[in-house]
Structures are given as structure tokens and as C-alpha cells.
N, C-alpha and C. Protein backbone atom coordinates (compact mmCIF):
# COMPACT_ATOMS: atom_id res chain seq x y z
N MET A 1 0.86 -1.17 0.00
CA MET A 1 0.00 0.00 0.00
C MET A 1 0.90 1.23 0.00
N THR A 2 0.61 2.13 -0.91
CA THR A 2 1.36 3.38 -0.97
C THR A 2 0.65 4.44 -0.13
N ARG A 3 1.30 5.55 0.08
CA ARG A 3 0.67 6.61 0.87
C ARG A 3 -0.54 7.19 0.15
N LEU A 4 -0.50 7.23 -1.17
CA LEU A 4 -1.64 7.70 -1.94
C LEU A 4 -2.84 6.77 -1.72
N ASP A 5 -2.61 5.45 -1.77
CA ASP A 5 -3.67 4.48 -1.48
C ASP A 5 -4.19 4.65 -0.05
N PHE A 6 -3.25 4.84 0.87
CA PHE A 6 -3.59 5.04 2.27
C PHE A 6 -4.48 6.26 2.45
N ASP A 7 -4.09 7.37 1.84
CA ASP A 7 -4.88 8.60 1.98
C ASP A 7 -6.29 8.42 1.41
N LYS A 8 -6.41 7.74 0.29
CA LYS A 8 -7.73 7.47 -0.30
C LYS A 8 -8.57 6.60 0.63
N LYS A 9 -7.94 5.55 1.17
CA LYS A 9 -8.67 4.60 2.02
C LYS A 9 -9.15 5.26 3.31
N ILE A 10 -8.29 6.01 3.97
CA ILE A 10 -8.73 6.63 5.22
C ILE A 10 -9.83 7.65 4.97
N LYS A 11 -9.77 8.31 3.81
CA LYS A 11 -10.82 9.27 3.47
C LYS A 11 -12.17 8.56 3.32
N THR A 12 -12.18 7.39 2.67
CA THR A 12 -13.44 6.66 2.52
C THR A 12 -13.96 6.15 3.86
N LEU A 13 -13.06 5.98 4.82
CA LEU A 13 -13.46 5.52 6.15
C LEU A 13 -13.81 6.67 7.08
N GLY A 14 -13.70 7.89 6.57
CA GLY A 14 -14.02 9.06 7.39
C GLY A 14 -12.94 9.40 8.39
N LEU A 15 -11.72 9.02 8.09
CA LEU A 15 -10.59 9.29 8.99
C LEU A 15 -9.66 10.32 8.37
N SER A 16 -8.92 10.97 9.23
CA SER A 16 -7.82 11.83 8.80
C SER A 16 -6.53 11.12 9.21
N ARG A 17 -5.41 11.62 8.76
CA ARG A 17 -4.14 11.03 9.20
C ARG A 17 -4.00 11.15 10.72
N LYS A 18 -4.45 12.27 11.26
CA LYS A 18 -4.34 12.49 12.70
C LYS A 18 -5.22 11.50 13.47
N SER A 19 -6.45 11.30 13.02
CA SER A 19 -7.33 10.36 13.73
C SER A 19 -6.83 8.92 13.56
N PHE A 20 -6.29 8.58 12.38
CA PHE A 20 -5.71 7.26 12.20
C PHE A 20 -4.56 7.05 13.16
N ALA A 21 -3.68 8.06 13.28
CA ALA A 21 -2.53 7.95 14.18
C ALA A 21 -2.98 7.68 15.60
N LYS A 22 -4.04 8.36 16.02
CA LYS A 22 -4.54 8.18 17.39
C LYS A 22 -5.09 6.77 17.58
N ILE A 23 -5.89 6.30 16.63
CA ILE A 23 -6.49 4.96 16.74
C ILE A 23 -5.42 3.88 16.69
N ALA A 24 -4.45 4.04 15.80
CA ALA A 24 -3.42 3.02 15.61
C ALA A 24 -2.28 3.12 16.63
N GLY A 25 -2.25 4.21 17.39
CA GLY A 25 -1.20 4.36 18.39
C GLY A 25 0.16 4.63 17.79
N VAL A 26 0.16 5.38 16.68
CA VAL A 26 1.42 5.74 16.05
C VAL A 26 1.56 7.25 16.02
N SER A 27 2.75 7.70 15.77
CA SER A 27 3.04 9.14 15.75
C SER A 27 2.50 9.77 14.46
N TYR A 28 1.72 10.82 14.62
CA TYR A 28 1.23 11.56 13.46
C TYR A 28 2.40 12.13 12.67
N THR A 29 3.40 12.63 13.36
CA THR A 29 4.58 13.18 12.71
C THR A 29 5.28 12.10 11.90
N GLY A 30 5.34 10.90 12.44
CA GLY A 30 5.95 9.78 11.73
C GLY A 30 5.23 9.45 10.43
N ILE A 31 3.91 9.51 10.47
CA ILE A 31 3.12 9.26 9.26
C ILE A 31 3.44 10.33 8.22
N SER A 32 3.46 11.56 8.64
CA SER A 32 3.66 12.66 7.71
C SER A 32 5.07 12.72 7.14
N THR A 33 6.06 12.35 7.94
CA THR A 33 7.45 12.49 7.47
C THR A 33 8.06 11.19 6.96
N ASN A 34 7.74 10.07 7.56
CA ASN A 34 8.38 8.80 7.20
C ASN A 34 7.64 8.01 6.12
N TRP A 35 6.35 8.19 6.01
CA TRP A 35 5.57 7.45 5.03
C TRP A 35 5.56 8.24 3.73
N LYS A 36 6.55 8.03 2.92
CA LYS A 36 6.73 8.77 1.67
C LYS A 36 5.80 8.22 0.58
N GLU A 37 5.43 9.09 -0.35
CA GLU A 37 4.50 8.72 -1.41
C GLU A 37 5.05 7.62 -2.31
N ASN A 38 6.35 7.56 -2.51
CA ASN A 38 6.92 6.58 -3.42
C ASN A 38 7.37 5.29 -2.74
N LYS A 39 7.12 5.15 -1.46
CA LYS A 39 7.50 3.94 -0.72
C LYS A 39 6.25 3.22 -0.24
N ASN A 40 6.39 1.92 -0.07
CA ASN A 40 5.29 1.17 0.53
C ASN A 40 5.24 1.44 2.02
N LEU A 41 4.04 1.44 2.54
CA LEU A 41 3.84 1.66 3.98
C LEU A 41 4.18 0.38 4.74
N PRO A 42 4.28 0.47 6.06
CA PRO A 42 4.52 -0.74 6.84
C PRO A 42 3.44 -1.79 6.54
N PRO A 43 3.80 -3.05 6.51
CA PRO A 43 2.86 -4.10 6.09
C PRO A 43 1.62 -4.25 6.96
N TRP A 44 1.64 -3.76 8.19
CA TRP A 44 0.48 -3.91 9.08
C TRP A 44 -0.64 -2.92 8.77
N VAL A 45 -0.34 -1.87 8.01
CA VAL A 45 -1.33 -0.80 7.79
C VAL A 45 -2.54 -1.29 7.00
N GLU A 46 -2.32 -2.00 5.91
CA GLU A 46 -3.43 -2.45 5.08
C GLU A 46 -4.39 -3.38 5.83
N PRO A 47 -3.89 -4.42 6.52
CA PRO A 47 -4.84 -5.25 7.29
C PRO A 47 -5.51 -4.48 8.42
N PHE A 48 -4.79 -3.55 9.03
CA PHE A 48 -5.38 -2.73 10.08
C PHE A 48 -6.59 -1.98 9.55
N LEU A 49 -6.45 -1.35 8.37
CA LEU A 49 -7.56 -0.61 7.77
C LEU A 49 -8.69 -1.54 7.36
N HIS A 50 -8.34 -2.73 6.88
CA HIS A 50 -9.37 -3.71 6.51
C HIS A 50 -10.23 -4.07 7.73
N TYR A 51 -9.58 -4.39 8.83
CA TYR A 51 -10.34 -4.77 10.03
C TYR A 51 -11.04 -3.57 10.67
N TYR A 52 -10.49 -2.39 10.53
CA TYR A 52 -11.18 -1.18 11.00
C TYR A 52 -12.48 -1.00 10.21
N GLU A 53 -12.41 -1.20 8.90
CA GLU A 53 -13.60 -1.06 8.06
C GLU A 53 -14.66 -2.09 8.44
N LYS A 54 -14.24 -3.33 8.68
CA LYS A 54 -15.18 -4.37 9.10
C LYS A 54 -15.81 -4.03 10.44
N SER A 55 -15.02 -3.54 11.36
CA SER A 55 -15.51 -3.17 12.69
C SER A 55 -16.53 -2.04 12.60
N LYS A 56 -16.23 -1.07 11.76
CA LYS A 56 -17.14 0.05 11.58
C LYS A 56 -18.47 -0.42 10.98
N ALA A 57 -18.41 -1.33 10.02
CA ALA A 57 -19.63 -1.87 9.41
C ALA A 57 -20.45 -2.64 10.45
N LEU A 58 -19.79 -3.41 11.30
CA LEU A 58 -20.50 -4.14 12.35
C LEU A 58 -21.14 -3.19 13.35
N ASP A 59 -20.43 -2.15 13.73
CA ASP A 59 -21.01 -1.14 14.64
C ASP A 59 -22.26 -0.52 14.03
N ASP A 60 -22.20 -0.20 12.73
CA ASP A 60 -23.36 0.38 12.05
C ASP A 60 -24.53 -0.61 12.04
N LEU A 61 -24.24 -1.87 11.78
CA LEU A 61 -25.27 -2.89 11.78
C LEU A 61 -25.92 -3.04 13.16
N LEU A 62 -25.11 -3.04 14.20
CA LEU A 62 -25.64 -3.16 15.55
C LEU A 62 -26.53 -1.98 15.91
N ILE A 63 -26.19 -0.80 15.46
CA ILE A 63 -27.02 0.38 15.71
C ILE A 63 -28.37 0.21 15.02
N ILE A 64 -28.36 -0.26 13.79
CA ILE A 64 -29.61 -0.48 13.05
C ILE A 64 -30.46 -1.54 13.74
N MET A 65 -29.84 -2.63 14.17
CA MET A 65 -30.58 -3.70 14.84
C MET A 65 -31.18 -3.20 16.15
N HIS A 66 -30.41 -2.43 16.90
CA HIS A 66 -30.91 -1.89 18.16
C HIS A 66 -32.09 -0.96 17.92
N LYS A 67 -32.00 -0.14 16.89
CA LYS A 67 -33.08 0.78 16.54
C LYS A 67 -34.35 0.02 16.23
N HIS A 68 -34.25 -1.04 15.43
CA HIS A 68 -35.44 -1.81 15.07
C HIS A 68 -36.00 -2.60 16.26
N LYS A 69 -35.11 -3.04 17.12
CA LYS A 69 -35.56 -3.74 18.32
C LYS A 69 -36.37 -2.78 19.21
N MET A 70 -35.89 -1.55 19.34
CA MET A 70 -36.60 -0.56 20.16
C MET A 70 -37.96 -0.23 19.54
N LEU A 71 -38.04 -0.18 18.21
CA LEU A 71 -39.31 0.11 17.56
C LEU A 71 -40.31 -1.03 17.76
N GLU A 72 -39.82 -2.27 17.75
CA GLU A 72 -40.69 -3.42 17.96
C GLU A 72 -41.22 -3.47 19.40
N GLU A 73 -40.46 -2.98 20.33
CA GLU A 73 -40.85 -3.03 21.73
C GLU A 73 -41.87 -1.94 22.08
N GLN A 74 -42.07 -0.98 21.20
CA GLN A 74 -43.01 0.10 21.52
C GLN A 74 -44.43 -0.31 21.29
């Protein structure tokens, strides 16, 4: 994954580099200075984003299920 791919992916997930750094426990400065556009990112970044996306989808699903459960109980 290149930094360009990374920037596109975090944008689709509603994240900024700063929010990604906080969630992943990495230095924002390190992302900005060490992750160069022409180099591949550390190998853990792509799976991390994949599982973050899955987690976010599950959270959204649980919210929808809870909403419908509350409507049925009324």
C-alpha cells in the first residue's frame, strides 16, 4: 500500500491522518514524514484498515438492529 492508497482509504473511512494515528497508536509526525509517497507503507497498515472497516460496518449494523428492536418493543 502506498501513501496515496492510504490517503484514499482513510478518506473513505471518514478518517484523517491524525485520527488514524490516534487509533493506531502511532506518531502523526511519523506518518507525515516517514511514510513517503513513493514507498510502501509498513505491512500492518493495510490489514489494520481492513479490520477497521469491518468493525465500523459491524457497529453500524448493531445500531440499526438496536433501533429496530426498540421500535418493535413500543
